[in-house]
Protein backbone atom coordinates (compact mmCIF):
# COMPACT_ATOMS: atom_id res chain seq x y z
CA MET A 1 -2.85 -5.31 12.73
CA ASP A 2 -0.32 -7.27 11.48
CA PHE A 3 3.40 -5.86 11.29
CA ARG A 4 3.47 -7.34 7.66
CA LEU A 5 0.85 -5.45 6.52
CA LEU A 6 2.43 -2.34 8.31
CA LYS A 7 5.85 -3.16 6.11
CA HIS A 8 3.93 -3.15 2.72
CA MET A 9 2.50 0.27 3.65
CA VAL A 10 5.48 1.87 4.25
CA THR A 11 7.44 0.56 1.62
CA LEU A 12 4.68 1.74 -1.01
CA ALA A 13 4.54 5.19 0.43
CA GLU A 14 8.23 5.31 0.24
CA THR A 15 8.21 3.84 -3.23
CA LEU A 16 4.69 5.03 -4.41
CA HIS A 17 4.64 2.03 -6.99
CA PHE A 18 2.93 -1.39 -6.61
CA GLY A 19 5.12 -3.36 -8.85
CA ARG A 20 8.78 -2.21 -7.09
CA ALA A 21 6.98 -2.26 -3.63
CA SER A 22 5.76 -5.70 -4.50
CA GLU A 23 9.52 -6.92 -5.11
CA LEU A 24 11.15 -5.17 -1.97
CA CYS A 25 8.38 -6.79 0.10
CA HIS A 26 8.91 -10.10 -1.62
CA VAL A 27 5.22 -10.67 -2.60
CA SER A 28 3.17 -10.20 -5.88
CA PRO A 29 1.32 -7.09 -6.50
CA SER A 30 -1.82 -8.22 -6.10
CA THR A 31 -0.92 -9.27 -2.18
CA LEU A 32 0.34 -5.82 -1.74
CA SER A 33 -2.94 -4.64 -3.00
CA ARG A 34 -4.69 -6.92 -0.72
CA SER A 35 -2.33 -5.63 2.17
CA ILE A 36 -3.37 -2.06 1.69
CA GLN A 37 -7.01 -2.74 1.17
CA GLN A 38 -7.07 -4.82 4.69
CA ILE A 39 -5.23 -1.54 6.28
CA GLU A 40 -7.70 0.98 4.86
CA THR A 41 -10.46 -0.91 6.06
CA GLU A 42 -9.23 -1.36 9.50
CA LEU A 43 -8.67 2.22 9.65
CA GLY A 44 -11.79 3.12 7.89
CA THR A 45 -9.84 5.41 5.25
CA THR A 46 -8.35 5.68 2.45
CA LEU A 47 -4.46 6.02 2.54
CA PHE A 48 -3.52 5.68 -1.03
CA GLU A 49 -4.69 7.20 -4.11
CA ARG A 50 -4.17 5.02 -7.28
CA ASP A 51 -5.15 4.20 -10.60
CA ASN A 52 -3.63 2.10 -13.27
CA ARG A 53 -0.57 4.41 -13.58
CA HIS A 54 -0.13 6.07 -10.45
CA VAL A 55 -0.25 5.87 -6.53
CA THR A 56 -0.12 9.05 -3.84
CA LEU A 57 -0.57 9.24 -0.36
CA THR A 58 -3.84 11.07 0.00
CA PRO A 59 -3.31 14.59 1.33
CA LYS A 60 -2.73 15.14 5.10
CA VAL A 61 -6.19 16.73 7.04
């Protein structure tokens, strides 16, 4: 897994906002979204629950 992808995931987890996280990572929101999707695919699990207005971390199991 790419360190850049991990940085995107941590930043999104800290901000819980795609716009702010993408600004902090210096990428577009769509690039950030693709990074998160790539991590989730590699891990085979959903890390964030998201809709058009909210982002939350998935519950710990």
